[in-house]
Amino acid sequence: MTTLYEDVYAEIARGTAGASLPGWALEVLEDIAAGRRPVKAVRHPLGFVCLPVERRGHLGVCLHLWSPLLALTAPTTSQVHCHSWELVSFVLYGRLSNILAGIGEGATHRVFEVVSRGDLDEIKATERTVRYTPGTVQTHRAGDAYTLPAGVFHSTVIEAGHDTATVALGRTATARYGDGGRPAVPVSADLSLGALATPTHRVDRRRCDPAETVHAARLSAKRLAAIQAA
């Protein structure tokens, strides 16, 4: 039996996601809005609402929603970050841009390690400083799929006042070591860039209440249904 991650990944890999994923996502959103699927939305610290659809071991499937009609959270460091996991994403509607970061020797930003424990993120200031410059801009529109390997610093930008939604697939990045059948281990931690003087601090990853979750799901479902009907 395949996982949901594997099923969705296969649609993207085959190039059939444009025909299948919007309908699937609409069904999921309608189920969440009607209370048929027990999902609690999360206000992600990077400024979007996350609907965690499924998590099995090192594989995860989420819907990410950006909208001026949703209460969003701003990061305490910056939008520039890198994952310890591999991202495969499909844009359901709207448009987003990933700005790849140029990281060099210098001291314009401090590197922070993000350690998540349940709904609490500890943002740990490290001794490492870097020089950050914005690099290549990769823009993705409805129907596009894109990938971001683990360890790539970037920031994701949504045009002000516009709605965007994606299906986000996460796969924990691993690195094998030794040949004695020892298990794989995580490559690295989630990292973020922040101001040089910012200290270690903690951030609550706020879960939405049921009404807020329903509102986010209904808002996205309405937008997706209108696009499919057009």
Protein backbone atom coordinates (compact mmCIF):
# COMPACT_ATOMS: atom_id res chain seq x y z
CA MET A 1 0.00 0.00 0.00
CA THR A 2 1.44 3.37 -0.98
CA THR A 3 1.35 6.47 1.21
CA LEU A 4 -0.47 9.66 0.29
CA TYR A 5 2.95 11.25 -0.20
CA GLU A 6 3.89 8.62 -2.76
CA ASP A 7 0.56 8.94 -4.59
CA VAL A 8 0.81 12.74 -4.85
CA TYR A 9 4.50 12.61 -5.74
CA ALA A 10 3.72 10.14 -8.54
CA GLU A 11 1.12 12.53 -10.00
CA ILE A 12 3.68 15.35 -10.02
CA ALA A 13 6.41 13.13 -11.48
CA ARG A 14 4.11 11.89 -14.27
CA GLY A 15 3.06 15.42 -15.16
CA THR A 16 -0.60 14.66 -14.39
CA ALA A 17 -0.87 16.79 -11.24
CA GLY A 18 -2.64 19.62 -13.04
CA ALA A 19 -5.54 17.33 -13.86
CA SER A 20 -5.76 15.53 -10.52
CA LEU A 21 -4.45 17.57 -7.59
CA PRO A 22 -6.86 20.56 -7.71
CA GLY A 23 -9.85 18.22 -7.45
CA TRP A 24 -8.20 16.21 -4.69
CA ALA A 25 -7.28 19.38 -2.76
CA LEU A 26 -10.83 20.73 -3.13
CA GLU A 27 -12.22 17.53 -1.65
CA VAL A 28 -9.77 17.71 1.28
CA LEU A 29 -10.62 21.37 1.93
CA GLU A 30 -14.35 20.69 1.84
CA ASP A 31 -13.91 17.77 4.25
CA ILE A 32 -11.95 19.99 6.67
CA ALA A 33 -14.53 22.77 6.40
CA ALA A 34 -17.37 20.31 7.10
CA GLY A 35 -15.56 18.72 10.05
CA ARG A 36 -15.21 15.37 8.30
CA ARG A 37 -11.40 15.48 8.51
CA PRO A 38 -9.84 16.21 11.93
CA VAL A 39 -7.22 18.78 10.93
CA LYS A 40 -6.11 21.82 12.93
CA ALA A 41 -4.61 24.64 10.92
CA VAL A 42 -1.30 26.11 12.09
CA ARG A 43 -0.12 29.69 11.66
CA HIS A 44 3.37 28.96 10.41
CA PRO A 45 6.10 31.34 11.60
CA LEU A 46 7.08 31.99 7.96
CA GLY A 47 3.77 33.70 7.22
CA PHE A 48 1.27 31.16 5.88
CA VAL A 49 -1.44 28.87 7.20
CA CYS A 50 -0.56 25.18 7.11
CA LEU A 51 -3.16 22.44 6.93
CA PRO A 52 -1.32 19.19 7.84
CA VAL A 53 -3.10 16.54 5.79
CA GLU A 54 -0.94 13.53 6.62
CA ARG A 55 2.30 12.68 8.38
CA ARG A 56 3.79 9.18 8.24
CA GLY A 57 7.31 8.78 9.57
CA HIS A 58 9.67 10.90 7.48
CA LEU A 59 6.97 11.79 4.90
CA GLY A 60 4.48 14.64 5.15
CA VAL A 61 1.72 16.17 3.01
CA CYS A 62 0.34 19.65 3.76
CA LEU A 63 -1.68 22.39 2.12
CA HIS A 64 -0.07 25.83 2.47
CA LEU A 65 -2.34 28.89 2.20
CA TRP A 66 -1.47 32.58 1.84
CA SER A 67 -4.26 35.17 1.86
CA PRO A 68 -4.78 38.74 3.07
CA LEU A 69 -8.04 37.41 4.58
CA LEU A 70 -6.19 35.06 6.93
CA ALA A 71 -4.42 36.01 10.15
CA LEU A 72 -0.77 35.23 9.46
CA THR A 73 2.36 35.24 11.62
CA ALA A 74 5.59 37.13 10.85
CA PRO A 75 9.00 35.52 11.49
CA THR A 76 11.08 36.74 14.43
CA THR A 77 14.32 36.41 12.43
CA SER A 78 13.74 36.79 8.68
CA GLN A 79 12.09 35.03 5.73
CA VAL A 80 15.47 33.60 4.68
CA HIS A 81 15.68 29.98 5.79
CA CYS A 82 16.60 26.45 4.74
CA HIS A 83 14.91 23.14 5.43
CA SER A 84 16.42 19.97 6.83
CA TRP A 85 13.97 18.17 4.56
CA GLU A 86 13.35 17.96 0.83
CA LEU A 87 10.40 19.96 -0.52
CA VAL A 88 8.30 19.10 -3.55
CA SER A 89 5.52 21.62 -4.12
CA PHE A 90 2.63 22.04 -6.56
CA VAL A 91 0.93 25.43 -6.98
CA LEU A 92 -2.88 25.09 -6.88
CA TYR A 93 -3.61 28.76 -7.52
CA GLY A 94 -1.90 32.12 -7.33
CA ARG A 95 1.82 32.75 -7.74
CA LEU A 96 4.90 32.68 -5.56
CA SER A 97 8.58 33.42 -5.97
CA ASN A 98 11.47 31.68 -4.27
CA ILE A 99 14.49 33.93 -3.94
CA LEU A 100 17.58 31.76 -3.64
CA ALA A 101 20.14 33.19 -1.24
CA GLY A 102 23.74 33.96 -1.92
CA ILE A 103 25.67 32.93 1.23
CA GLY A 104 29.28 33.96 1.62
CA GLU A 105 31.93 34.90 4.13
CA GLY A 106 31.08 37.98 6.15
CA ALA A 107 28.79 39.17 8.89
CA THR A 108 25.52 40.67 7.69
CA HIS A 109 23.37 37.96 9.33
CA ARG A 110 23.56 35.39 12.10
CA VAL A 111 22.57 31.76 11.48
CA PHE A 112 19.86 30.45 13.80
CA GLU A 113 19.02 26.80 14.38
CA VAL A 114 15.32 26.06 14.68
CA VAL A 115 14.56 23.24 17.12
CA SER A 116 10.88 22.25 17.13
CA ARG A 117 9.28 20.44 20.04
CA GLY A 118 5.56 20.07 19.53
CA ASP A 119 4.07 23.55 19.21
CA LEU A 120 7.22 25.28 20.48
CA ASP A 121 10.12 26.43 18.30
CA GLU A 122 13.41 27.29 19.97
CA ILE A 123 15.30 29.73 17.75
CA LYS A 124 18.91 29.18 18.81
CA ALA A 125 21.52 31.79 17.91
CA THR A 126 24.68 30.07 16.66
CA GLU A 127 28.20 31.46 16.45
CA ARG A 128 28.10 31.31 12.65
CA THR A 129 27.68 34.56 10.74
CA VAL A 130 27.37 34.93 6.97
CA ARG A 131 27.08 37.55 4.28
CA TYR A 132 23.64 37.29 2.63
CA THR A 133 22.76 38.61 -0.80
CA PRO A 134 19.55 37.86 -2.73
CA GLY A 135 20.19 35.60 -5.70
CA THR A 136 18.19 33.93 -8.46
CA VAL A 137 14.43 34.45 -8.40
CA GLN A 138 12.32 31.42 -9.36
CA THR A 139 8.65 32.28 -9.98
CA HIS A 140 5.97 29.58 -10.02
CA ARG A 141 2.33 29.88 -11.08
CA ALA A 142 -0.79 27.74 -10.87
CA GLY A 143 -0.06 24.31 -12.35
CA ASP A 144 3.69 24.53 -11.75
CA ALA A 145 5.64 22.07 -9.63
CA TYR A 146 9.02 22.80 -8.10
CA THR A 147 11.53 21.26 -5.73
CA LEU A 148 13.88 22.64 -3.09
CA PRO A 149 16.58 20.31 -1.75
CA ALA A 150 17.46 20.31 1.93
CA GLY A 151 20.05 22.91 2.93
CA VAL A 152 19.23 25.58 0.30
CA PHE A 153 18.76 29.03 1.83
CA HIS A 154 15.83 30.88 0.25
CA SER A 155 12.86 33.10 0.96
CA THR A 156 9.34 32.66 -0.41
CA VAL A 157 7.51 35.80 -1.52
CA ILE A 158 3.80 36.20 -2.29
CA GLU A 159 2.63 39.31 -4.12
CA ALA A 160 0.92 41.62 -1.64
CA GLY A 161 -2.87 41.32 -1.57
CA HIS A 162 -2.98 38.06 -3.52
CA ASP A 163 -4.02 34.52 -2.59
CA THR A 164 -1.82 31.50 -3.21
CA ALA A 165 -2.12 27.84 -2.24
CA THR A 166 0.24 24.91 -2.70
CA VAL A 167 0.38 21.20 -2.02
CA ALA A 168 3.62 20.74 -0.09
CA LEU A 169 5.35 17.38 0.16
CA GLY A 170 8.09 17.03 2.77
CA ARG A 171 10.59 14.19 2.98
CA THR A 172 13.14 14.21 5.77
CA ALA A 173 16.60 14.43 4.20
CA THR A 174 18.93 11.67 5.31
CA ALA A 175 22.57 10.76 4.85
CA ARG A 176 23.78 7.19 5.12
CA TYR A 177 26.91 6.50 7.10
CA GLY A 178 28.95 3.33 7.38
CA ASP A 179 28.25 0.06 5.62
CA GLY A 180 27.17 -1.98 8.60
CA GLY A 181 23.46 -1.55 8.11
CA ARG A 182 23.33 1.39 10.48
CA PRO A 183 20.27 3.64 10.10
CA ALA A 184 20.26 6.89 8.17
CA VAL A 185 20.54 10.10 10.17
CA PRO A 186 19.21 13.63 9.54
CA VAL A 187 21.45 15.79 7.36
CA SER A 188 21.09 19.00 9.35
CA ALA A 189 18.69 21.18 11.32
CA ASP A 190 16.25 23.76 9.98
CA LEU A 191 18.10 27.08 9.81
CA SER A 192 17.13 30.73 9.55
CA LEU A 193 19.03 34.00 9.06
CA GLY A 194 18.47 36.87 11.44
CA ALA A 195 19.97 40.08 12.74
CA LEU A 196 23.41 39.77 14.32
CA ALA A 197 22.21 40.96 17.73
CA THR A 198 19.08 38.80 17.96
CA PRO A 199 19.36 36.43 20.94
CA THR A 200 18.13 32.88 21.33
CA HIS A 201 14.37 32.91 21.89
CA ARG A 202 11.27 30.76 21.72
CA VAL A 203 8.22 31.04 19.51
CA ASP A 204 4.86 29.33 19.94
CA ARG A 205 3.71 27.70 16.71
CA ARG A 206 0.10 28.77 17.08
CA ARG A 207 -2.62 26.32 16.19
CA CYS A 208 -5.84 27.84 14.91
CA ASP A 209 -9.05 27.16 16.78
CA PRO A 210 -11.77 25.12 15.01
CA ALA A 211 -13.53 28.22 13.66
CA GLU A 212 -10.29 29.61 12.23
CA THR A 213 -9.46 26.25 10.65
CA VAL A 214 -12.90 26.07 9.02
CA HIS A 215 -12.56 29.66 7.80
CA ALA A 216 -9.19 28.96 6.16
CA ALA A 217 -10.44 25.76 4.51
CA ARG A 218 -13.66 27.39 3.24
CA LEU A 219 -11.78 30.40 1.89
CA SER A 220 -9.36 28.22 -0.07
CA ALA A 221 -12.07 25.81 -1.21
CA LYS A 222 -14.16 28.70 -2.55
CA ARG A 223 -11.20 30.06 -4.50
CA LEU A 224 -10.30 26.65 -5.90
CA ALA A 225 -13.89 25.80 -6.84
CA ALA A 226 -14.28 29.10 -8.70
CA ILE A 227 -11.11 28.44 -10.70
CA GLN A 228 -12.24 24.93 -11.63
CA ALA A 229 -15.67 26.23 -12.68
CA ALA A 230 -14.20 28.93 -14.91
